[in-house]
């Protein structure tokens, strides 16, 4: 997904070139965005990526207006806010990314790598093992393995647990869920490593995503995953941070462990999640250090422009 505030990194910092250079086996690149941003997107494509618009380019680049998701899931919603909360509408669009294939009839393969459009990559990576078919998921080592307020425990577990009854012996989502949140230490998971999975990207696979949708719809008696999320969020035991990557990872690791290849990386060393500078000089330093990627979100860039010392995580020493 992209919007115009991401365009500085996407275009001026040539993020797309980094994807093509370092992410193996890309077949196509699809942007989902608001229709009012398409003209500016096309103008920038002609300036910064004319080679990708050439007929000689074998990686199709396409734009899909997010109108489909608004009309299908938001405009006819029975809820005053058509998403659990406004800021997570984009997360639900990601969870319905295969609508591009099933509803819009466009070519989309079984493996879709979701990438934040303001990320710049710095080392080669392959997400599907050509021999055993396992998909690679990065577990991010952070300072604190204990649970924090930002950990999306409630929503992750409740989405596949469904309503809790008053007469259940174990009346909690952890007892029923198909998506246990094991990424932080708490009484249910005292040996958790503390490794998180929100790394500005994740590989989604069609059959697993379809099974996750079916599990959520069955749990909440809903006609689609989007509605299931809204119904779930009406309950206190579901009402918390929504994190699509942690939800998907919890489902695939719990129900398809044979399809999972894990690689542990350290935030601030192997991946830079909180940065303001992603220019060529900085990314050259990141390549030397084999950093996977840098995320340069617009709010961090805005803060850096006000305060030049606020650069965030850096690969270059000066």
C-alpha atoms as a PDB file:
ATOM      1  CA  UNK A   1       0.000   0.000   0.000  1.00  0.00           C
ATOM      2  CA  UNK A   2       1.159   3.517  -0.691  1.00  0.00           C
ATOM      3  CA  UNK A   3       0.066   7.129  -0.345  1.00  0.00           C
ATOM      4  CA  UNK A   4       1.737  10.329  -1.427  1.00  0.00           C
ATOM      5  CA  UNK A   5       3.508  10.895   1.913  1.00  0.00           C
ATOM      6  CA  UNK A   6       5.526   7.749   1.106  1.00  0.00           C
ATOM      7  CA  UNK A   7       6.638   9.066  -2.277  1.00  0.00           C
ATOM      8  CA  UNK A   8       9.791  10.809  -1.006  1.00  0.00           C
ATOM      9  CA  UNK A   9      11.342   7.468  -0.022  1.00  0.00           C
ATOM     10  CA  UNK A  10       9.694   5.523  -2.825  1.00  0.00           C
ATOM     11  CA  UNK A  11      10.984   7.851  -5.524  1.00  0.00           C
ATOM     12  CA  UNK A  12      13.672  10.273  -4.332  1.00  0.00           C
ATOM     13  CA  UNK A  13      15.406   7.505  -2.385  1.00  0.00           C
ATOM     14  CA  UNK A  14      14.789   4.874  -5.108  1.00  0.00           C
ATOM     15  CA  UNK A  15      13.179   2.325  -2.816  1.00  0.00           C
ATOM     16  CA  UNK A  16      11.837   0.318  -5.747  1.00  0.00           C
ATOM     17  CA  UNK A  17      15.291  -0.148  -7.224  1.00  0.00           C
ATOM     18  CA  UNK A  18      16.374  -1.641  -3.897  1.00  0.00           C
ATOM     19  CA  UNK A  19      13.503  -4.135  -3.959  1.00  0.00           C
ATOM     20  CA  UNK A  20      14.374  -5.303  -7.446  1.00  0.00           C
ATOM     21  CA  UNK A  21      18.069  -5.453  -6.620  1.00  0.00           C
ATOM     22  CA  UNK A  22      17.779  -7.417  -3.385  1.00  0.00           C
ATOM     23  CA  UNK A  23      14.463  -9.323  -3.216  1.00  0.00           C
ATOM     24  CA  UNK A  24      14.771 -12.481  -5.251  1.00  0.00           C
ATOM     25  CA  UNK A  25      12.218 -13.817  -7.757  1.00  0.00           C
ATOM     26  CA  UNK A  26      10.000 -10.749  -8.069  1.00  0.00           C
ATOM     27  CA  UNK A  27       7.373 -11.407 -10.763  1.00  0.00           C
ATOM     28  CA  UNK A  28       5.472  -8.117 -10.544  1.00  0.00           C
ATOM     29  CA  UNK A  29       5.040  -5.080  -8.291  1.00  0.00           C
ATOM     30  CA  UNK A  30       1.543  -3.868  -7.419  1.00  0.00           C
ATOM     31  CA  UNK A  31       0.746  -0.636  -5.606  1.00  0.00           C
ATOM     32  CA  UNK A  32      -2.589  -0.146  -3.879  1.00  0.00           C
ATOM     33  CA  UNK A  33      -3.420   3.486  -3.240  1.00  0.00           C
ATOM     34  CA  UNK A  34      -6.063   6.216  -3.315  1.00  0.00           C
ATOM     35  CA  UNK A  35      -7.148   7.221  -6.827  1.00  0.00           C
ATOM     36  CA  UNK A  36      -6.308  10.880  -6.150  1.00  0.00           C
ATOM     37  CA  UNK A  37      -2.620   9.942  -5.783  1.00  0.00           C
ATOM     38  CA  UNK A  38      -2.345   8.036  -9.062  1.00  0.00           C
ATOM     39  CA  UNK A  39      -1.462  10.999 -11.297  1.00  0.00           C
ATOM     40  CA  UNK A  40       1.380  12.056  -9.020  1.00  0.00           C
ATOM     41  CA  UNK A  41       2.537   8.443  -8.860  1.00  0.00           C
ATOM     42  CA  UNK A  42       2.685   8.225 -12.652  1.00  0.00           C
ATOM     43  CA  UNK A  43       4.534  11.526 -12.936  1.00  0.00           C
ATOM     44  CA  UNK A  44       7.166  10.339 -10.492  1.00  0.00           C
ATOM     45  CA  UNK A  45       7.471   6.979 -12.232  1.00  0.00           C
ATOM     46  CA  UNK A  46       8.405   8.769 -15.452  1.00  0.00           C
ATOM     47  CA  UNK A  47      11.018  10.877 -13.653  1.00  0.00           C
ATOM     48  CA  UNK A  48      12.643   8.338 -11.334  1.00  0.00           C
ATOM     49  CA  UNK A  49      11.915   4.934 -12.899  1.00  0.00           C
ATOM     50  CA  UNK A  50      11.603   5.401 -16.677  1.00  0.00           C
ATOM     51  CA  UNK A  51      13.451   2.102 -17.187  1.00  0.00           C
ATOM     52  CA  UNK A  52      10.669   0.282 -15.346  1.00  0.00           C
ATOM     53  CA  UNK A  53       8.071   1.741 -17.709  1.00  0.00           C
ATOM     54  CA  UNK A  54       9.988   0.492 -20.724  1.00  0.00           C
ATOM     55  CA  UNK A  55       8.645  -2.405 -22.749  1.00  0.00           C
ATOM     56  CA  UNK A  56      11.999  -4.083 -22.088  1.00  0.00           C
ATOM     57  CA  UNK A  57      11.222  -4.314 -18.372  1.00  0.00           C
ATOM     58  CA  UNK A  58      10.170  -7.859 -17.480  1.00  0.00           C
ATOM     59  CA  UNK A  59       8.731  -6.919 -14.065  1.00  0.00           C
ATOM     60  CA  UNK A  60       5.277  -5.362 -14.559  1.00  0.00           C
ATOM     61  CA  UNK A  61       4.531  -2.339 -12.370  1.00  0.00           C
ATOM     62  CA  UNK A  62       0.858  -1.633 -11.778  1.00  0.00           C
ATOM     63  CA  UNK A  63      -1.384   0.568  -9.668  1.00  0.00           C
ATOM     64  CA  UNK A  64      -4.699  -0.640  -8.220  1.00  0.00           C
ATOM     65  CA  UNK A  65      -7.049   1.970  -6.793  1.00  0.00           C
ATOM     66  CA  UNK A  66      -8.168   1.153  -3.271  1.00  0.00           C
ATOM     67  CA  UNK A  67     -11.732   1.929  -4.374  1.00  0.00           C
ATOM     68  CA  UNK A  68     -12.615  -1.782  -4.398  1.00  0.00           C
ATOM     69  CA  UNK A  69     -11.881  -2.222  -0.684  1.00  0.00           C
ATOM     70  CA  UNK A  70     -13.728   0.975   0.246  1.00  0.00           C
ATOM     71  CA  UNK A  71     -16.814   0.065  -1.743  1.00  0.00           C
ATOM     72  CA  UNK A  72     -16.852  -3.617  -0.747  1.00  0.00           C
ATOM     73  CA  UNK A  73     -16.036  -3.447   2.938  1.00  0.00           C
ATOM     74  CA  UNK A  74     -16.313   0.133   4.183  1.00  0.00           C
ATOM     75  CA  UNK A  75     -19.179   2.002   2.532  1.00  0.00           C
ATOM     76  CA  UNK A  76     -21.845  -0.543   3.495  1.00  0.00           C
ATOM     77  CA  UNK A  77     -20.491  -1.256   6.949  1.00  0.00           C
ATOM     78  CA  UNK A  78     -22.996  -1.595   9.784  1.00  0.00           C
ATOM     79  CA  UNK A  79     -20.520   0.077  12.123  1.00  0.00           C
ATOM     80  CA  UNK A  80     -20.061   3.872  12.516  1.00  0.00           C
ATOM     81  CA  UNK A  81     -16.330   3.392  11.915  1.00  0.00           C
ATOM     82  CA  UNK A  82     -15.904   0.800   9.122  1.00  0.00           C
ATOM     83  CA  UNK A  83     -12.637  -0.544  10.597  1.00  0.00           C
ATOM     84  CA  UNK A  84     -11.794  -1.442  14.203  1.00  0.00           C
ATOM     85  CA  UNK A  85     -10.292   2.077  14.252  1.00  0.00           C
ATOM     86  CA  UNK A  86      -9.454   4.435  11.400  1.00  0.00           C
ATOM     87  CA  UNK A  87      -5.709   3.916  11.321  1.00  0.00           C
ATOM     88  CA  UNK A  88      -5.999   0.179  10.685  1.00  0.00           C
ATOM     89  CA  UNK A  89      -8.107   0.268   7.530  1.00  0.00           C
ATOM     90  CA  UNK A  90      -4.872  -0.229   5.582  1.00  0.00           C
ATOM     91  CA  UNK A  91      -4.053  -3.315   7.679  1.00  0.00           C
ATOM     92  CA  UNK A  92      -7.373  -4.861   6.703  1.00  0.00           C
ATOM     93  CA  UNK A  93      -6.726  -4.064   3.040  1.00  0.00           C
ATOM     94  CA  UNK A  94      -3.466  -6.019   3.342  1.00  0.00           C
ATOM     95  CA  UNK A  95      -5.364  -8.945   4.840  1.00  0.00           C
ATOM     96  CA  UNK A  96      -7.623  -8.817   1.762  1.00  0.00           C
ATOM     97  CA  UNK A  97      -4.771  -8.400  -0.736  1.00  0.00           C
ATOM     98  CA  UNK A  98      -5.808 -11.537  -2.618  1.00  0.00           C
ATOM     99  CA  UNK A  99      -9.003  -9.721  -3.627  1.00  0.00           C
ATOM    100  CA  UNK A 100      -6.817  -8.485  -6.478  1.00  0.00           C
ATOM    101  CA  UNK A 101      -7.009 -12.046  -7.771  1.00  0.00           C
ATOM    102  CA  UNK A 102     -10.392 -13.297  -6.576  1.00  0.00           C
ATOM    103  CA  UNK A 103     -12.491 -10.133  -6.986  1.00  0.00           C
ATOM    104  CA  UNK A 104     -10.657  -7.941  -9.492  1.00  0.00           C
ATOM    105  CA  UNK A 105      -9.524 -10.756 -11.795  1.00  0.00           C
ATOM    106  CA  UNK A 106      -5.919  -9.591 -12.048  1.00  0.00           C
ATOM    107  CA  UNK A 107      -2.949 -11.898 -12.202  1.00  0.00           C
ATOM    108  CA  UNK A 108      -1.570 -12.527  -8.710  1.00  0.00           C
ATOM    109  CA  UNK A 109       0.481 -15.551  -7.690  1.00  0.00           C
ATOM    110  CA  UNK A 110       0.160 -17.620  -4.524  1.00  0.00           C
ATOM    111  CA  UNK A 111       3.080 -15.867  -2.799  1.00  0.00           C
ATOM    112  CA  UNK A 112       2.665 -12.145  -2.164  1.00  0.00           C
ATOM    113  CA  UNK A 113       5.305 -10.174  -0.299  1.00  0.00           C
ATOM    114  CA  UNK A 114       3.741  -7.181   1.413  1.00  0.00           C
ATOM    115  CA  UNK A 115       6.334  -4.397   1.637  1.00  0.00           C
ATOM    116  CA  UNK A 116       5.905  -0.952   3.151  1.00  0.00           C
ATOM    117  CA  UNK A 117       6.542   1.441   0.283  1.00  0.00           C
ATOM    118  CA  UNK A 118       8.858   3.593   2.411  1.00  0.00           C
ATOM    119  CA  UNK A 119      11.373   0.813   3.027  1.00  0.00           C
ATOM    120  CA  UNK A 120      14.763   0.604   1.324  1.00  0.00           C
ATOM    121  CA  UNK A 121      16.453  -2.802   1.239  1.00  0.00           C
ATOM    122  CA  UNK A 122      20.192  -3.422   1.549  1.00  0.00           C
ATOM    123  CA  UNK A 123      20.905  -7.137   1.260  1.00  0.00           C
ATOM    124  CA  UNK A 124      19.762 -10.026  -0.881  1.00  0.00           C
ATOM    125  CA  UNK A 125      16.929 -12.159   0.430  1.00  0.00           C
ATOM    126  CA  UNK A 126      14.771 -14.978  -0.891  1.00  0.00           C
ATOM    127  CA  UNK A 127      11.439 -15.569   0.801  1.00  0.00           C
ATOM    128  CA  UNK A 128      10.542 -19.001  -0.581  1.00  0.00           C
ATOM    129  CA  UNK A 129      12.971 -21.908  -0.497  1.00  0.00           C
ATOM    130  CA  UNK A 130      13.061 -23.455  -3.950  1.00  0.00           C
ATOM    131  CA  UNK A 131      13.869 -26.902  -2.543  1.00  0.00           C
ATOM    132  CA  UNK A 132      11.488 -27.436   0.378  1.00  0.00           C
ATOM    133  CA  UNK A 133       8.998 -24.626  -0.298  1.00  0.00           C
ATOM    134  CA  UNK A 134       9.330 -23.115   3.169  1.00  0.00           C
ATOM    135  CA  UNK A 135       8.658 -19.414   3.531  1.00  0.00           C
ATOM    136  CA  UNK A 136      11.086 -17.202   5.443  1.00  0.00           C
ATOM    137  CA  UNK A 137       9.832 -15.086   8.328  1.00  0.00           C
ATOM    138  CA  UNK A 138      12.107 -12.749  10.239  1.00  0.00           C
ATOM    139  CA  UNK A 139      11.919 -12.712  14.026  1.00  0.00           C
ATOM    140  CA  UNK A 140      13.121  -9.402  15.402  1.00  0.00           C
ATOM    141  CA  UNK A 141      15.081  -9.339  18.621  1.00  0.00           C
ATOM    142  CA  UNK A 142      14.194  -6.340  20.750  1.00  0.00           C
ATOM    143  CA  UNK A 143      15.403  -5.207  24.161  1.00  0.00           C
ATOM    144  CA  UNK A 144      12.477  -6.402  26.267  1.00  0.00           C
ATOM    145  CA  UNK A 145      10.908  -9.883  25.996  1.00  0.00           C
ATOM    146  CA  UNK A 146       8.097  -8.972  28.403  1.00  0.00           C
ATOM    147  CA  UNK A 147       4.710  -7.916  27.067  1.00  0.00           C
ATOM    148  CA  UNK A 148       4.056  -4.239  26.491  1.00  0.00           C
ATOM    149  CA  UNK A 149       1.026  -2.152  25.673  1.00  0.00           C
ATOM    150  CA  UNK A 150       1.882  -2.192  21.967  1.00  0.00           C
ATOM    151  CA  UNK A 151       1.818  -5.974  21.747  1.00  0.00           C
ATOM    152  CA  UNK A 152      -1.369  -6.959  19.868  1.00  0.00           C
ATOM    153  CA  UNK A 153      -2.322  -9.805  22.168  1.00  0.00           C
ATOM    154  CA  UNK A 154      -6.076  -9.278  22.433  1.00  0.00           C
ATOM    155  CA  UNK A 155      -6.914  -8.857  18.758  1.00  0.00           C
ATOM    156  CA  UNK A 156      -4.516 -11.549  17.562  1.00  0.00           C
ATOM    157  CA  UNK A 157      -5.959 -14.221  19.811  1.00  0.00           C
ATOM    158  CA  UNK A 158      -9.623 -13.189  19.745  1.00  0.00           C
ATOM    159  CA  UNK A 159      -9.864 -13.099  15.948  1.00  0.00           C
ATOM    160  CA  UNK A 160      -9.880 -16.893  15.727  1.00  0.00           C
ATOM    161  CA  UNK A 161     -11.335 -17.590  19.186  1.00  0.00           C
ATOM    162  CA  UNK A 162     -14.758 -16.077  18.678  1.00  0.00           C
ATOM    163  CA  UNK A 163     -17.194 -15.025  21.420  1.00  0.00           C
ATOM    164  CA  UNK A 164     -16.517 -16.164  24.959  1.00  0.00           C
ATOM    165  CA  UNK A 165     -19.383 -17.795  26.828  1.00  0.00           C
ATOM    166  CA  UNK A 166     -20.072 -17.377  30.536  1.00  0.00           C
ATOM    167  CA  UNK A 167     -20.185 -21.091  31.222  1.00  0.00           C
ATOM    168  CA  UNK A 168     -16.840 -22.127  29.728  1.00  0.00           C
ATOM    169  CA  UNK A 169     -14.377 -23.843  32.026  1.00  0.00           C
ATOM    170  CA  UNK A 170     -11.508 -21.912  30.483  1.00  0.00           C
ATOM    171  CA  UNK A 171     -13.188 -18.688  29.543  1.00  0.00           C
ATOM    172  CA  UNK A 172     -10.276 -16.951  27.819  1.00  0.00           C
ATOM    173  CA  UNK A 173      -9.112 -16.493  24.271  1.00  0.00           C
ATOM    174  CA  UNK A 174      -5.840 -18.356  24.862  1.00  0.00           C
ATOM    175  CA  UNK A 175      -7.821 -21.557  25.472  1.00  0.00           C
ATOM    176  CA  UNK A 176      -9.748 -21.329  22.184  1.00  0.00           C
ATOM    177  CA  UNK A 177      -7.608 -19.440  19.711  1.00  0.00           C
ATOM    178  CA  UNK A 178      -5.941 -20.720  16.545  1.00  0.00           C
ATOM    179  CA  UNK A 179      -3.634 -17.697  16.652  1.00  0.00           C
ATOM    180  CA  UNK A 180      -1.875 -17.701  20.024  1.00  0.00           C
ATOM    181  CA  UNK A 181       0.341 -14.673  20.545  1.00  0.00           C
ATOM    182  CA  UNK A 182       3.623 -16.144  21.778  1.00  0.00           C
ATOM    183  CA  UNK A 183       5.888 -13.216  20.970  1.00  0.00           C
ATOM    184  CA  UNK A 184       6.193 -11.877  24.529  1.00  0.00           C
ATOM    185  CA  UNK A 185       6.381 -13.311  28.029  1.00  0.00           C
ATOM    186  CA  UNK A 186       3.206 -13.581  30.102  1.00  0.00           C
ATOM    187  CA  UNK A 187       1.683 -16.237  32.360  1.00  0.00           C
ATOM    188  CA  UNK A 188       0.459 -18.314  29.394  1.00  0.00           C
ATOM    189  CA  UNK A 189       3.883 -18.266  27.700  1.00  0.00           C
ATOM    190  CA  UNK A 190       6.583 -17.821  30.330  1.00  0.00           C
ATOM    191  CA  UNK A 191       9.336 -19.081  28.026  1.00  0.00           C
ATOM    192  CA  UNK A 192       8.603 -16.781  25.094  1.00  0.00           C
ATOM    193  CA  UNK A 193      11.707 -15.421  23.397  1.00  0.00           C
ATOM    194  CA  UNK A 194      10.362 -11.893  23.008  1.00  0.00           C
ATOM    195  CA  UNK A 195      10.957 -11.994  19.263  1.00  0.00           C
ATOM    196  CA  UNK A 196       8.458  -9.864  17.326  1.00  0.00           C
ATOM    197  CA  UNK A 197       7.439  -9.968  13.667  1.00  0.00           C
ATOM    198  CA  UNK A 198       6.458  -6.431  12.681  1.00  0.00           C
ATOM    199  CA  UNK A 199       9.302  -5.662  10.285  1.00  0.00           C
ATOM    200  CA  UNK A 200       7.659  -3.495   7.606  1.00  0.00           C
ATOM    201  CA  UNK A 201       7.067  -6.593   5.433  1.00  0.00           C
ATOM    202  CA  UNK A 202       5.707 -10.131   5.434  1.00  0.00           C
ATOM    203  CA  UNK A 203       5.104 -12.909   2.934  1.00  0.00           C
ATOM    204  CA  UNK A 204       1.432 -13.870   2.605  1.00  0.00           C
ATOM    205  CA  UNK A 205       0.497 -17.154   0.940  1.00  0.00           C
ATOM    206  CA  UNK A 206      -2.859 -17.642  -0.716  1.00  0.00           C
ATOM    207  CA  UNK A 207      -3.962 -20.950   0.799  1.00  0.00           C
ATOM    208  CA  UNK A 208      -2.872 -20.010   4.321  1.00  0.00           C
ATOM    209  CA  UNK A 209      -4.534 -16.609   4.117  1.00  0.00           C
ATOM    210  CA  UNK A 210      -7.724 -18.281   2.863  1.00  0.00           C
ATOM    211  CA  UNK A 211      -7.680 -20.658   5.831  1.00  0.00           C
ATOM    212  CA  UNK A 212      -7.123 -17.734   8.232  1.00  0.00           C
ATOM    213  CA  UNK A 213     -10.086 -15.900   6.719  1.00  0.00           C
ATOM    214  CA  UNK A 214     -12.273 -18.988   7.070  1.00  0.00           C
ATOM    215  CA  UNK A 215     -11.214 -19.452  10.692  1.00  0.00           C
ATOM    216  CA  UNK A 216     -12.066 -15.833  11.561  1.00  0.00           C
ATOM    217  CA  UNK A 217     -15.386 -15.920   9.702  1.00  0.00           C
ATOM    218  CA  UNK A 218     -16.379 -19.157  11.433  1.00  0.00           C
ATOM    219  CA  UNK A 219     -15.351 -17.817  14.830  1.00  0.00           C
ATOM    220  CA  UNK A 220     -17.436 -14.649  14.459  1.00  0.00           C
ATOM    221  CA  UNK A 221     -20.197 -15.892  12.127  1.00  0.00           C
ATOM    222  CA  UNK A 222     -19.215 -13.258   9.572  1.00  0.00           C
ATOM    223  CA  UNK A 223     -19.400 -13.193   5.787  1.00  0.00           C
ATOM    224  CA  UNK A 224     -15.832 -11.940   5.341  1.00  0.00           C
ATOM    225  CA  UNK A 225     -12.678 -11.313   7.352  1.00  0.00           C
ATOM    226  CA  UNK A 226     -13.210  -7.542   7.431  1.00  0.00           C
ATOM    227  CA  UNK A 227     -16.621  -7.903   9.081  1.00  0.00           C
ATOM    228  CA  UNK A 228     -15.204 -10.485  11.480  1.00  0.00           C
ATOM    229  CA  UNK A 229     -12.601  -7.951  12.602  1.00  0.00           C
ATOM    230  CA  UNK A 230     -15.265  -5.326  13.232  1.00  0.00           C
ATOM    231  CA  UNK A 231     -17.517  -7.709  15.170  1.00  0.00           C
ATOM    232  CA  UNK A 232     -14.587  -8.984  17.207  1.00  0.00           C
ATOM    233  CA  UNK A 233     -13.515  -5.460  18.105  1.00  0.00           C
ATOM    234  CA  UNK A 234     -16.824  -4.771  19.821  1.00  0.00           C
ATOM    235  CA  UNK A 235     -15.662  -6.985  22.709  1.00  0.00           C
ATOM    236  CA  UNK A 236     -13.191  -5.866  25.350  1.00  0.00           C
ATOM    237  CA  UNK A 237     -11.171  -9.075  25.051  1.00  0.00           C
ATOM    238  CA  UNK A 238     -10.556  -8.239  21.373  1.00  0.00           C
ATOM    239  CA  UNK A 239     -10.155  -4.502  21.756  1.00  0.00           C
ATOM    240  CA  UNK A 240      -6.461  -3.709  21.338  1.00  0.00           C
ATOM    241  CA  UNK A 241      -3.792  -2.996  18.802  1.00  0.00           C
ATOM    242  CA  UNK A 242      -4.394  -4.513  15.361  1.00  0.00           C
ATOM    243  CA  UNK A 243      -1.222  -5.900  13.776  1.00  0.00           C
ATOM    244  CA  UNK A 244      -1.774  -7.823  10.571  1.00  0.00           C
ATOM    245  CA  UNK A 245       1.754  -9.237  10.465  1.00  0.00           C
ATOM    246  CA  UNK A 246       1.590 -10.684  13.986  1.00  0.00           C
ATOM    247  CA  UNK A 247      -1.865 -12.141  13.306  1.00  0.00           C
ATOM    248  CA  UNK A 248      -0.761 -13.858  10.109  1.00  0.00           C
ATOM    249  CA  UNK A 249       2.485 -15.076  11.644  1.00  0.00           C
ATOM    250  CA  UNK A 250       0.670 -16.481  14.681  1.00  0.00           C
ATOM    251  CA  UNK A 251      -1.626 -18.433  12.361  1.00  0.00           C
ATOM    252  CA  UNK A 252       1.024 -19.817  10.030  1.00  0.00           C
ATOM    253  CA  UNK A 253       3.488 -20.724  12.788  1.00  0.00           C
ATOM    254  CA  UNK A 254       0.813 -22.456  14.874  1.00  0.00           C
ATOM    255  CA  UNK A 255      -1.005 -24.300  12.086  1.00  0.00           C
ATOM    256  CA  UNK A 256       1.621 -24.716   9.370  1.00  0.00           C
ATOM    257  CA  UNK A 257       4.959 -25.036  11.201  1.00  0.00           C
ATOM    258  CA  UNK A 258       6.315 -27.240   8.400  1.00  0.00           C
ATOM    259  CA  UNK A 259       5.921 -24.286   6.015  1.00  0.00           C
ATOM    260  CA  UNK A 260       7.954 -21.875   8.163  1.00  0.00           C
ATOM    261  CA  UNK A 261      11.643 -20.983   8.045  1.00  0.00           C
ATOM    262  CA  UNK A 262      12.691 -18.599  10.833  1.00  0.00           C
ATOM    263  CA  UNK A 263      15.597 -16.178  10.758  1.00  0.00           C
ATOM    264  CA  UNK A 264      16.394 -14.087  13.816  1.00  0.00           C
ATOM    265  CA  UNK A 265      17.618 -10.527  13.346  1.00  0.00           C
ATOM    266  CA  UNK A 266      18.337  -7.733  15.793  1.00  0.00           C
ATOM    267  CA  UNK A 267      16.648  -4.360  15.608  1.00  0.00           C
ATOM    268  CA  UNK A 268      19.203  -1.597  15.201  1.00  0.00           C
ATOM    269  CA  UNK A 269      21.832  -4.039  13.936  1.00  0.00           C
ATOM    270  CA  UNK A 270      20.389  -6.282  11.204  1.00  0.00           C
ATOM    271  CA  UNK A 271      17.286  -4.223  10.490  1.00  0.00           C
ATOM    272  CA  UNK A 272      16.593  -0.519  11.034  1.00  0.00           C
ATOM    273  CA  UNK A 273      12.905  -0.047  11.798  1.00  0.00           C
ATOM    274  CA  UNK A 274      13.030   3.536  13.038  1.00  0.00           C
ATOM    275  CA  UNK A 275      14.955   5.787  10.670  1.00  0.00           C
ATOM    276  CA  UNK A 276      14.756   9.146   8.953  1.00  0.00           C
ATOM    277  CA  UNK A 277      17.586   8.829   6.407  1.00  0.00           C
ATOM    278  CA  UNK A 278      17.505   6.297   3.577  1.00  0.00           C
ATOM    279  CA  UNK A 279      19.646   8.047   0.945  1.00  0.00           C
ATOM    280  CA  UNK A 280      22.267   6.351  -1.213  1.00  0.00           C
ATOM    281  CA  UNK A 281      25.192   7.128   1.097  1.00  0.00           C
ATOM    282  CA  UNK A 282      23.379   5.667   4.080  1.00  0.00           C
ATOM    283  CA  UNK A 283      22.224   2.601   2.173  1.00  0.00           C
ATOM    284  CA  UNK A 284      25.796   1.938   0.990  1.00  0.00           C
ATOM    285  CA  UNK A 285      26.799   1.734   4.660  1.00  0.00           C
ATOM    286  CA  UNK A 286      23.848  -0.596   5.284  1.00  0.00           C
ATOM    287  CA  UNK A 287      24.945  -2.883   2.450  1.00  0.00           C
ATOM    288  CA  UNK A 288      28.440  -3.063   3.938  1.00  0.00           C
ATOM    289  CA  UNK A 289      26.890  -4.186   7.237  1.00  0.00           C
ATOM    290  CA  UNK A 290      24.426  -6.615   5.580  1.00  0.00           C
ATOM    291  CA  UNK A 291      21.429  -4.813   7.046  1.00  0.00           C
ATOM    292  CA  UNK A 292      18.193  -6.252   5.670  1.00  0.00           C
ATOM    293  CA  UNK A 293      16.269  -2.996   5.274  1.00  0.00           C
ATOM    294  CA  UNK A 294      15.597   0.457   6.635  1.00  0.00           C
ATOM    295  CA  UNK A 295      12.152   1.867   7.287  1.00  0.00           C
ATOM    296  CA  UNK A 296      11.943   5.628   6.825  1.00  0.00           C
ATOM    297  CA  UNK A 297       8.389   6.628   7.683  1.00  0.00           C
ATOM    298  CA  UNK A 298       7.167  10.130   6.890  1.00  0.00           C
ATOM    299  CA  UNK A 299       6.644  11.162  10.527  1.00  0.00           C
ATOM    300  CA  UNK A 300      10.278  10.354  11.312  1.00  0.00           C
ATOM    301  CA  UNK A 301      11.463  12.329   8.291  1.00  0.00           C
ATOM    302  CA  UNK A 302       9.304  15.279   9.391  1.00  0.00           C
ATOM    303  CA  UNK A 303      10.809  15.105  12.882  1.00  0.00           C
ATOM    304  CA  UNK A 304      14.338  14.960  11.458  1.00  0.00           C
ATOM    305  CA  UNK A 305      13.726  18.017   9.286  1.00  0.00           C
ATOM    306  CA  UNK A 306      12.682  19.954  12.381  1.00  0.00           C
ATOM    307  CA  UNK A 307      15.542  18.558  14.446  1.00  0.00           C
ATOM    308  CA  UNK A 308      18.576  17.469  12.354  1.00  0.00           C
ATOM    309  CA  UNK A 309      19.916  15.430  15.271  1.00  0.00           C
ATOM    310  CA  UNK A 310      16.841  13.202  15.245  1.00  0.00           C
ATOM    311  CA  UNK A 311      18.082  10.794  12.557  1.00  0.00           C
ATOM    312  CA  UNK A 312      16.949   7.566  14.212  1.00  0.00           C
ATOM    313  CA  UNK A 313      18.834   4.346  13.600  1.00  0.00           C
ATOM    314  CA  UNK A 314      21.824   4.702  11.280  1.00  0.00           C
ATOM    315  CA  UNK A 315      24.253   2.448   9.434  1.00  0.00           C
ATOM    316  CA  UNK A 316      26.809   5.171   8.700  1.00  0.00           C
ATOM    317  CA  UNK A 317      28.773   6.391  11.712  1.00  0.00           C
ATOM    318  CA  UNK A 318      28.724  10.011  10.536  1.00  0.00           C
END
